[in-house]
C-alpha atoms as a PDB file:
ATOM      1  CA  MET A   1       0.000   0.000   0.000  1.00  0.00           C
ATOM      2  CA  ASN A   2       1.504   3.354  -1.053  1.00  0.00           C
ATOM      3  CA  ASP A   3       1.222   6.676   0.789  1.00  0.00           C
ATOM      4  CA  TYR A   4      -1.737   7.910  -1.255  1.00  0.00           C
ATOM      5  CA  GLU A   5      -3.694   4.697  -0.633  1.00  0.00           C
ATOM      6  CA  ARG A   6      -3.105   5.044   3.103  1.00  0.00           C
ATOM      7  CA  VAL A   7      -4.352   8.646   3.037  1.00  0.00           C
ATOM      8  CA  ALA A   8      -7.383   7.684   0.936  1.00  0.00           C
ATOM      9  CA  ARG A   9      -8.153   4.968   3.474  1.00  0.00           C
ATOM     10  CA  ILE A  10      -8.048   7.587   6.224  1.00  0.00           C
ATOM     11  CA  THR A  11     -10.434   9.904   4.334  1.00  0.00           C
ATOM     12  CA  ARG A  12     -12.915   7.035   3.912  1.00  0.00           C
ATOM     13  CA  HIS A  13     -12.658   6.376   7.631  1.00  0.00           C
ATOM     14  CA  LEU A  14     -13.277  10.041   8.391  1.00  0.00           C
ATOM     15  CA  ASP A  15     -16.332  10.137   6.142  1.00  0.00           C
ATOM     16  CA  ALA A  16     -17.844   7.423   8.313  1.00  0.00           C
ATOM     17  CA  HIS A  17     -16.567   8.652  11.703  1.00  0.00           C
ATOM     18  CA  HIS A  18     -16.076  12.423  11.432  1.00  0.00           C
ATOM     19  CA  LEU A  19     -18.551  13.139  14.228  1.00  0.00           C
ATOM     20  CA  GLU A  20     -16.315  11.168  16.583  1.00  0.00           C
ATOM     21  CA  GLN A  21     -13.320  13.401  15.767  1.00  0.00           C
ATOM     22  CA  PRO A  22     -10.833  10.514  15.809  1.00  0.00           C
ATOM     23  CA  GLY A  23      -7.394  11.338  17.176  1.00  0.00           C
ATOM     24  CA  LEU A  24      -3.912  10.376  16.045  1.00  0.00           C
ATOM     25  CA  ALA A  25      -3.980   6.917  17.644  1.00  0.00           C
ATOM     26  CA  ALA A  26      -7.252   5.971  15.949  1.00  0.00           C
ATOM     27  CA  LEU A  27      -6.069   7.209  12.562  1.00  0.00           C
ATOM     28  CA  ALA A  28      -2.767   5.379  12.913  1.00  0.00           C
ATOM     29  CA  ALA A  29      -4.599   2.164  13.739  1.00  0.00           C
ATOM     30  CA  GLU A  30      -6.772   2.581  10.655  1.00  0.00           C
ATOM     31  CA  ALA A  31      -3.589   2.941   8.578  1.00  0.00           C
ATOM     32  CA  ASP A  32      -2.091  -0.163  10.242  1.00  0.00           C
ATOM     33  CA  LEU A  33       0.853   1.832  11.582  1.00  0.00           C
ATOM     34  CA  SER A  34       2.137   2.951  14.946  1.00  0.00           C
ATOM     35  CA  ALA A  35       1.154   6.485  15.933  1.00  0.00           C
ATOM     36  CA  ALA A  36       4.734   7.730  15.571  1.00  0.00           C
ATOM     37  CA  HIS A  37       5.252   6.044  12.191  1.00  0.00           C
ATOM     38  CA  PHE A  38       1.928   7.302  10.876  1.00  0.00           C
ATOM     39  CA  HIS A  39       2.652  10.862  12.019  1.00  0.00           C
ATOM     40  CA  ARG A  40       6.083  10.853  10.322  1.00  0.00           C
ATOM     41  CA  LEU A  41       4.820   9.287   7.110  1.00  0.00           C
ATOM     42  CA  PHE A  42       1.806  11.575   6.851  1.00  0.00           C
ATOM     43  CA  SER A  43       3.750  14.731   7.636  1.00  0.00           C
ATOM     44  CA  ARG A  44       6.364  13.811   5.033  1.00  0.00           C
ATOM     45  CA  TRP A  45       3.678  13.203   2.398  1.00  0.00           C
ATOM     46  CA  ALA A  46       1.493  16.255   3.090  1.00  0.00           C
ATOM     47  CA  GLY A  47       4.065  18.629   4.557  1.00  0.00           C
ATOM     48  CA  VAL A  48       1.786  19.219   7.566  1.00  0.00           C
ATOM     49  CA  THR A  49       0.495  17.256  10.542  1.00  0.00           C
ATOM     50  CA  PRO A  50      -2.529  14.952  10.199  1.00  0.00           C
ATOM     51  CA  LYS A  51      -4.545  17.311  12.411  1.00  0.00           C
ATOM     52  CA  ASP A  52      -3.905  20.322  10.150  1.00  0.00           C
ATOM     53  CA  PHE A  53      -4.571  18.306   7.006  1.00  0.00           C
ATOM     54  CA  LEU A  54      -7.882  17.013   8.296  1.00  0.00           C
ATOM     55  CA  GLN A  55      -8.989  20.574   8.934  1.00  0.00           C
ATOM     56  CA  CYS A  56      -8.734  21.113   5.183  1.00  0.00           C
ATOM     57  CA  LEU A  57     -11.168  18.270   4.556  1.00  0.00           C
ATOM     58  CA  THR A  58     -14.007  19.750   6.604  1.00  0.00           C
ATOM     59  CA  LEU A  59     -17.144  21.173   5.051  1.00  0.00           C
ATOM     60  CA  GLU A  60     -16.653  24.568   6.673  1.00  0.00           C
ATOM     61  CA  HIS A  61     -13.150  24.835   5.251  1.00  0.00           C
ATOM     62  CA  ALA A  62     -14.492  24.047   1.778  1.00  0.00           C
ATOM     63  CA  ARG A  63     -17.181  26.697   2.168  1.00  0.00           C
ATOM     64  CA  GLU A  64     -14.620  29.297   3.204  1.00  0.00           C
ATOM     65  CA  ARG A  65     -12.413  28.529   0.225  1.00  0.00           C
ATOM     66  CA  LEU A  66     -15.460  28.734  -2.023  1.00  0.00           C
ATOM     67  CA  ARG A  67     -16.314  32.172  -0.645  1.00  0.00           C
ATOM     68  CA  LEU A  68     -12.753  33.363  -1.311  1.00  0.00           C
ATOM     69  CA  GLY A  69     -12.420  31.553  -4.600  1.00  0.00           C
ATOM     70  CA  GLN A  70     -14.554  33.837  -6.735  1.00  0.00           C
ATOM     71  CA  SER A  71     -12.312  36.893  -6.447  1.00  0.00           C
ATOM     72  CA  VAL A  72      -9.110  34.886  -6.939  1.00  0.00           C
ATOM     73  CA  PHE A  73     -10.532  33.149 -10.007  1.00  0.00           C
ATOM     74  CA  ASP A  74     -11.744  36.453 -11.466  1.00  0.00           C
ATOM     75  CA  ALA A  75      -8.315  37.999 -10.935  1.00  0.00           C
ATOM     76  CA  ALA A  76      -6.680  35.095 -12.748  1.00  0.00           C
ATOM     77  CA  LEU A  77      -9.059  35.435 -15.687  1.00  0.00           C
ATOM     78  CA  ASP A  78      -8.748  39.216 -15.859  1.00  0.00           C
ATOM     79  CA  ALA A  79      -4.948  39.054 -15.785  1.00  0.00           C
ATOM     80  CA  GLY A  80      -4.880  36.448 -18.539  1.00  0.00           C
ATOM     81  CA  LEU A  81      -2.638  34.275 -16.411  1.00  0.00           C
ATOM     82  CA  SER A  82      -2.647  30.519 -16.435  1.00  0.00           C
ATOM     83  CA  SER A  83      -2.727  30.120 -12.684  1.00  0.00           C
ATOM     84  CA  PRO A  84      -1.275  32.719 -10.288  1.00  0.00           C
ATOM     85  CA  GLY A  85      -0.630  31.402  -6.823  1.00  0.00           C
ATOM     86  CA  ARG A  86      -0.472  27.763  -7.902  1.00  0.00           C
ATOM     87  CA  LEU A  87       1.957  25.318  -6.318  1.00  0.00           C
ATOM     88  CA  HIS A  88       4.374  25.894  -9.170  1.00  0.00           C
ATOM     89  CA  ASP A  89       4.789  27.797 -12.421  1.00  0.00           C
ATOM     90  CA  LEU A  90       3.427  25.033 -14.631  1.00  0.00           C
ATOM     91  CA  CYS A  91       1.846  26.541 -17.724  1.00  0.00           C
ATOM     92  CA  VAL A  92      -0.558  24.364 -19.692  1.00  0.00           C
ATOM     93  CA  THR A  93      -1.576  25.210 -23.253  1.00  0.00           C
ATOM     94  CA  LEU A  94      -4.622  23.255 -24.401  1.00  0.00           C
ATOM     95  CA  GLU A  95      -4.862  22.529 -28.106  1.00  0.00           C
ATOM     96  CA  ALA A  96      -7.956  21.030 -29.719  1.00  0.00           C
ATOM     97  CA  ALA A  97      -7.775  17.916 -31.842  1.00  0.00           C
ATOM     98  CA  THR A  98      -9.093  18.454 -35.353  1.00  0.00           C
ATOM     99  CA  PRO A  99     -12.108  16.448 -36.570  1.00  0.00           C
ATOM    100  CA  GLY A 100      -9.707  14.475 -38.746  1.00  0.00           C
ATOM    101  CA  GLU A 101      -7.480  13.637 -35.773  1.00  0.00           C
ATOM    102  CA  MET A 102     -10.474  12.548 -33.726  1.00  0.00           C
ATOM    103  CA  LYS A 103     -11.736  10.312 -36.519  1.00  0.00           C
ATOM    104  CA  ALA A 104      -8.291   8.812 -37.152  1.00  0.00           C
ATOM    105  CA  GLY A 105      -7.918   7.703 -33.515  1.00  0.00           C
ATOM    106  CA  GLY A 106      -4.183   8.359 -33.533  1.00  0.00           C
ATOM    107  CA  ALA A 107      -3.409   6.645 -36.846  1.00  0.00           C
ATOM    108  CA  GLY A 108       0.166   7.436 -37.879  1.00  0.00           C
ATOM    109  CA  TRP A 109       1.065   8.638 -34.385  1.00  0.00           C
ATOM    110  CA  VAL A 110       3.657   7.334 -31.966  1.00  0.00           C
ATOM    111  CA  ILE A 111       2.594   7.933 -28.363  1.00  0.00           C
ATOM    112  CA  ASP A 112       5.229   7.616 -25.642  1.00  0.00           C
ATOM    113  CA  ALA A 113       3.395   6.292 -22.609  1.00  0.00           C
ATOM    114  CA  GLY A 114       4.258   4.967 -19.196  1.00  0.00           C
ATOM    115  CA  PHE A 115       3.293   4.533 -15.578  1.00  0.00           C
ATOM    116  CA  VAL A 116       4.371   6.555 -12.576  1.00  0.00           C
ATOM    117  CA  GLU A 117       3.585   6.853  -8.879  1.00  0.00           C
ATOM    118  CA  THR A 118       2.154  10.259  -7.954  1.00  0.00           C
ATOM    119  CA  PRO A 119       1.057  11.783  -4.632  1.00  0.00           C
ATOM    120  CA  PHE A 120      -2.470  10.675  -5.569  1.00  0.00           C
ATOM    121  CA  GLY A 121      -1.906   7.151  -6.782  1.00  0.00           C
ATOM    122  CA  TYR A 122      -0.721   5.263  -9.832  1.00  0.00           C
ATOM    123  CA  CYS A 123      -0.984   7.174 -13.111  1.00  0.00           C
ATOM    124  CA  CYS A 124      -0.690   6.462 -16.828  1.00  0.00           C
ATOM    125  CA  ILE A 125       0.569   9.319 -19.013  1.00  0.00           C
ATOM    126  CA  GLY A 126       0.696   9.437 -22.813  1.00  0.00           C
ATOM    127  CA  ASN A 127       2.615  12.043 -24.815  1.00  0.00           C
ATOM    128  CA  GLY A 128       1.910  12.282 -28.547  1.00  0.00           C
ATOM    129  CA  PRO A 129       3.150  14.425 -31.429  1.00  0.00           C
ATOM    130  CA  ARG A 130       1.093  17.409 -30.239  1.00  0.00           C
ATOM    131  CA  GLY A 131       1.604  17.067 -26.508  1.00  0.00           C
ATOM    132  CA  VAL A 132       0.142  15.220 -23.552  1.00  0.00           C
ATOM    133  CA  CYS A 133      -2.878  13.357 -24.866  1.00  0.00           C
ATOM    134  CA  PHE A 134      -3.623  11.003 -21.973  1.00  0.00           C
ATOM    135  CA  LEU A 135      -3.366  11.296 -18.204  1.00  0.00           C
ATOM    136  CA  GLU A 136      -5.472   9.101 -15.951  1.00  0.00           C
ATOM    137  CA  PHE A 137      -5.256   7.424 -12.571  1.00  0.00           C
ATOM    138  CA  VAL A 138      -5.301   3.681 -13.212  1.00  0.00           C
ATOM    139  CA  GLU A 139      -4.662   0.342 -11.622  1.00  0.00           C
ATOM    140  CA  LYS A 140      -1.050  -0.747 -11.839  1.00  0.00           C
ATOM    141  CA  ASP A 141       0.050  -1.496 -15.423  1.00  0.00           C
ATOM    142  CA  GLU A 142      -3.492  -1.013 -16.774  1.00  0.00           C
ATOM    143  CA  ARG A 143      -2.989  -0.248 -20.463  1.00  0.00           C
ATOM    144  CA  SER A 144      -6.496  -0.677 -21.836  1.00  0.00           C
ATOM    145  CA  ALA A 145      -7.753   2.884 -21.188  1.00  0.00           C
ATOM    146  CA  LEU A 146      -5.004   4.410 -23.335  1.00  0.00           C
ATOM    147  CA  THR A 147      -5.513   1.975 -26.195  1.00  0.00           C
ATOM    148  CA  VAL A 148      -9.260   2.657 -26.144  1.00  0.00           C
ATOM    149  CA  ALA A 149      -8.625   6.425 -26.223  1.00  0.00           C
ATOM    150  CA  TRP A 150      -6.166   6.218 -29.144  1.00  0.00           C
ATOM    151  CA  PRO A 151      -6.877   2.843 -30.796  1.00  0.00           C
ATOM    152  CA  GLN A 152      -4.903   3.400 -34.015  1.00  0.00           C
ATOM    153  CA  ALA A 153      -1.756   4.859 -32.479  1.00  0.00           C
ATOM    154  CA  GLN A 154       1.520   3.036 -32.054  1.00  0.00           C
ATOM    155  CA  ILE A 155       2.218   2.983 -28.319  1.00  0.00           C
ATOM    156  CA  HIS A 156       5.827   3.135 -27.181  1.00  0.00           C
ATOM    157  CA  TRP A 157       5.866   2.173 -23.503  1.00  0.00           C
ATOM    158  CA  ASN A 158       8.487   4.248 -21.718  1.00  0.00           C
ATOM    159  CA  ASP A 159       8.102   4.976 -18.006  1.00  0.00           C
ATOM    160  CA  ALA A 160      10.917   7.560 -18.145  1.00  0.00           C
ATOM    161  CA  VAL A 161       8.772   9.869 -20.300  1.00  0.00           C
ATOM    162  CA  ALA A 162       5.853   9.545 -17.877  1.00  0.00           C
ATOM    163  CA  GLU A 163       8.130  10.252 -14.921  1.00  0.00           C
ATOM    164  CA  GLU A 164       9.517  13.397 -16.556  1.00  0.00           C
ATOM    165  CA  ILE A 165       6.047  14.786 -17.269  1.00  0.00           C
ATOM    166  CA  ALA A 166       4.780  13.827 -13.808  1.00  0.00           C
ATOM    167  CA  SER A 167       7.692  15.677 -12.211  1.00  0.00           C
ATOM    168  CA  GLY A 168       6.411  18.867 -13.780  1.00  0.00           C
ATOM    169  CA  VAL A 169       2.726  18.239 -13.117  1.00  0.00           C
ATOM    170  CA  PHE A 170       2.822  17.075  -9.501  1.00  0.00           C
ATOM    171  CA  GLN A 171       5.989  18.475  -7.907  1.00  0.00           C
ATOM    172  CA  THR A 172       6.278  21.826  -6.173  1.00  0.00           C
ATOM    173  CA  GLY A 173       8.720  24.231  -7.801  1.00  0.00           C
ATOM    174  CA  SER A 174       8.420  22.945 -11.362  1.00  0.00           C
ATOM    175  CA  GLN A 175       8.637  25.516 -14.157  1.00  0.00           C
ATOM    176  CA  MET A 176       7.694  23.092 -16.907  1.00  0.00           C
ATOM    177  CA  GLN A 177       5.575  24.330 -19.800  1.00  0.00           C
ATOM    178  CA  LEU A 178       3.338  21.707 -21.317  1.00  0.00           C
ATOM    179  CA  LYS A 179       1.194  21.391 -24.392  1.00  0.00           C
ATOM    180  CA  ALA A 180      -1.834  19.151 -24.092  1.00  0.00           C
ATOM    181  CA  LEU A 181      -4.076  17.834 -26.853  1.00  0.00           C
ATOM    182  CA  VAL A 182      -7.753  17.338 -26.002  1.00  0.00           C
ATOM    183  CA  ARG A 183     -10.737  16.081 -27.933  1.00  0.00           C
ATOM    184  CA  GLY A 184     -13.957  17.909 -27.204  1.00  0.00           C
ATOM    185  CA  THR A 185     -16.646  20.297 -28.349  1.00  0.00           C
ATOM    186  CA  PRO A 186     -16.007  24.060 -28.430  1.00  0.00           C
ATOM    187  CA  PHE A 187     -18.056  24.396 -25.235  1.00  0.00           C
ATOM    188  CA  GLN A 188     -16.041  21.690 -23.460  1.00  0.00           C
ATOM    189  CA  LEU A 189     -12.816  23.400 -24.522  1.00  0.00           C
ATOM    190  CA  ARG A 190     -13.976  26.707 -23.025  1.00  0.00           C
ATOM    191  CA  VAL A 191     -14.727  24.950 -19.751  1.00  0.00           C
ATOM    192  CA  TRP A 192     -11.431  23.057 -19.678  1.00  0.00           C
ATOM    193  CA  ARG A 193      -9.422  26.201 -20.460  1.00  0.00           C
ATOM    194  CA  ALA A 194     -11.186  27.998 -17.616  1.00  0.00           C
ATOM    195  CA  LEU A 195     -10.377  25.095 -15.283  1.00  0.00           C
ATOM    196  CA  VAL A 196      -6.655  25.532 -15.987  1.00  0.00           C
ATOM    197  CA  ARG A 197      -6.930  29.081 -14.595  1.00  0.00           C
ATOM    198  CA  ILE A 198      -8.215  28.014 -11.174  1.00  0.00           C
ATOM    199  CA  PRO A 199      -5.313  28.466  -8.720  1.00  0.00           C
ATOM    200  CA  ALA A 200      -4.282  25.604  -6.454  1.00  0.00           C
ATOM    201  CA  GLY A 201      -5.759  26.009  -3.004  1.00  0.00           C
ATOM    202  CA  CYS A 202      -8.822  27.679  -4.532  1.00  0.00           C
ATOM    203  CA  VAL A 203     -12.175  26.118  -5.411  1.00  0.00           C
ATOM    204  CA  VAL A 204     -15.072  27.423  -7.496  1.00  0.00           C
ATOM    205  CA  SER A 205     -18.661  26.310  -7.893  1.00  0.00           C
ATOM    206  CA  TYR A 206     -20.252  25.035 -11.087  1.00  0.00           C
ATOM    207  CA  GLY A 207     -22.255  28.260 -11.229  1.00  0.00           C
ATOM    208  CA  GLN A 208     -19.133  30.417 -10.940  1.00  0.00           C
ATOM    209  CA  LEU A 209     -17.471  28.400 -13.673  1.00  0.00           C
ATOM    210  CA  ALA A 210     -20.525  28.792 -15.899  1.00  0.00           C
ATOM    211  CA  GLU A 211     -20.324  32.575 -15.483  1.00  0.00           C
ATOM    212  CA  ALA A 212     -16.602  32.502 -16.302  1.00  0.00           C
ATOM    213  CA  VAL A 213     -17.239  30.809 -19.662  1.00  0.00           C
ATOM    214  CA  GLY A 214     -20.057  33.224 -20.527  1.00  0.00           C
ATOM    215  CA  ASN A 215     -23.012  30.887 -19.861  1.00  0.00           C
ATOM    216  CA  PRO A 216     -24.320  31.877 -16.419  1.00  0.00           C
ATOM    217  CA  GLY A 217     -27.411  29.670 -16.706  1.00  0.00           C
ATOM    218  CA  ALA A 218     -25.544  26.575 -17.836  1.00  0.00           C
ATOM    219  CA  ALA A 219     -24.236  25.159 -14.555  1.00  0.00           C
ATOM    220  CA  ARG A 220     -25.560  21.691 -15.398  1.00  0.00           C
ATOM    221  CA  ALA A 221     -23.922  21.683 -18.837  1.00  0.00           C
ATOM    222  CA  VAL A 222     -20.706  22.927 -17.256  1.00  0.00           C
ATOM    223  CA  GLY A 223     -20.872  20.056 -14.782  1.00  0.00           C
ATOM    224  CA  THR A 224     -21.139  17.595 -17.658  1.00  0.00           C
ATOM    225  CA  ALA A 225     -18.110  19.154 -19.351  1.00  0.00           C
ATOM    226  CA  VAL A 226     -16.147  19.056 -16.083  1.00  0.00           C
ATOM    227  CA  GLY A 227     -16.958  15.359 -15.714  1.00  0.00           C
ATOM    228  CA  ALA A 228     -15.711  14.679 -19.253  1.00  0.00           C
ATOM    229  CA  ASN A 229     -12.247  16.116 -18.536  1.00  0.00           C
ATOM    230  CA  PRO A 230      -9.777  13.784 -20.293  1.00  0.00           C
ATOM    231  CA  LEU A 231      -6.601  14.794 -18.420  1.00  0.00           C
ATOM    232  CA  ALA A 232      -6.622  14.116 -14.679  1.00  0.00           C
ATOM    233  CA  TYR A 233      -5.079  16.812 -12.462  1.00  0.00           C
ATOM    234  CA  LEU A 234      -3.427  18.581 -15.422  1.00  0.00           C
ATOM    235  CA  ILE A 235      -6.878  20.040 -16.111  1.00  0.00           C
ATOM    236  CA  PRO A 236      -7.878  20.562 -12.450  1.00  0.00           C
ATOM    237  CA  CYS A 237     -11.546  19.605 -12.453  1.00  0.00           C
ATOM    238  CA  HIS A 238     -11.098  18.527  -8.808  1.00  0.00           C
ATOM    239  CA  ARG A 239     -11.194  22.242  -7.865  1.00  0.00           C
ATOM    240  CA  VAL A 240     -14.892  22.541  -8.750  1.00  0.00           C
ATOM    241  CA  ILE A 241     -17.353  21.827  -5.926  1.00  0.00           C
ATOM    242  CA  ARG A 242     -21.031  22.387  -5.252  1.00  0.00           C
ATOM    243  CA  GLU A 243     -22.475  25.767  -4.274  1.00  0.00           C
ATOM    244  CA  THR A 244     -23.104  24.434  -0.754  1.00  0.00           C
ATOM    245  CA  GLY A 245     -19.433  23.623  -0.202  1.00  0.00           C
ATOM    246  CA  VAL A 246     -19.972  19.860  -0.555  1.00  0.00           C
ATOM    247  CA  ILE A 247     -16.971  18.353  -2.333  1.00  0.00           C
ATOM    248  CA  GLY A 248     -19.049  16.161  -4.644  1.00  0.00           C
ATOM    249  CA  GLN A 249     -18.061  13.320  -6.919  1.00  0.00           C
ATOM    250  CA  TYR A 250     -14.967  12.935  -9.076  1.00  0.00           C
ATOM    251  CA  ARG A 251     -14.269  10.828 -12.135  1.00  0.00           C
ATOM    252  CA  TRP A 252     -11.230   9.257 -10.491  1.00  0.00           C
ATOM    253  CA  GLY A 253     -12.753   8.769  -7.034  1.00  0.00           C
ATOM    254  CA  HIS A 254     -14.329  10.902  -4.311  1.00  0.00           C
ATOM    255  CA  GLU A 255     -11.527  10.146  -1.828  1.00  0.00           C
ATOM    256  CA  ARG A 256      -8.882  11.162  -4.345  1.00  0.00           C
ATOM    257  CA  LYS A 257     -10.611  14.517  -4.909  1.00  0.00           C
ATOM    258  CA  ARG A 258     -10.724  15.227  -1.175  1.00  0.00           C
ATOM    259  CA  VAL A 259      -7.076  14.291  -0.751  1.00  0.00           C
ATOM    260  CA  MET A 260      -6.076  16.569  -3.636  1.00  0.00           C
ATOM    261  CA  LEU A 261      -7.976  19.543  -2.211  1.00  0.00           C
ATOM    262  CA  GLY A 262      -6.567  18.997   1.265  1.00  0.00           C
ATOM    263  CA  TRP A 263      -3.015  18.640  -0.062  1.00  0.00           C
ATOM    264  CA  GLU A 264      -3.259  21.767  -2.231  1.00  0.00           C
ATOM    265  CA  GLY A 265      -4.897  23.804   0.510  1.00  0.00           C
ATOM    266  CA  LEU A 266      -1.887  23.399   2.778  1.00  0.00           C
ATOM    267  CA  LYS A 267       0.926  24.051   0.300  1.00  0.00           C
END
């Protein structure tokens, strides 16, 4: 069991027992570790104590970040910046696949793809001729999702490429600039480009995101576009929550979304 899986196990435990306010000993037991070992491991992973991290998973904390998020998001949009105040200076440029590229399914392409451990679990990353074209959390060595996404491409399996890209996406201090290729409708592209502008440690509601893309009455359609995000974490759909402050669901797992928001909120 890796560090992320232990943390996800703790968040599931807290969902069921949050009213009991479990202490360090109870959380350590749930992780099958001694209290001292759990405290060291968790603090090394998150950069803060378990107590401080758990504060960032509470409903009230999410509501507060949502209240603050609107002005930060607006400032990012108005300034034309990718993501001021993020964990790092990663700049993501989203390019749209042409209808011909979508129909071809990657025919004539070579995609360098591999697997890498991230702070949020095992990940498969694919990098094609026009940039990152696949990034999903998967089971270990699960190759089927990539081959379904790009069925006609020649896949060159190379974990070193995935590790290099992951170092820019997930590590603090990276100054990597990435191009990413996405397949979607014009409306989906507007939503995904707006998502890239949400700073780490900030969350917005579906309604706020709808206003940002110029469709203030389209929160439901925006939610559908958010759920169709093809590039996990790189396009940060985990930073969108409900108007009430409830974290909500996530394509790659509710626990993973909560862990991401808690981790970003304390960096």
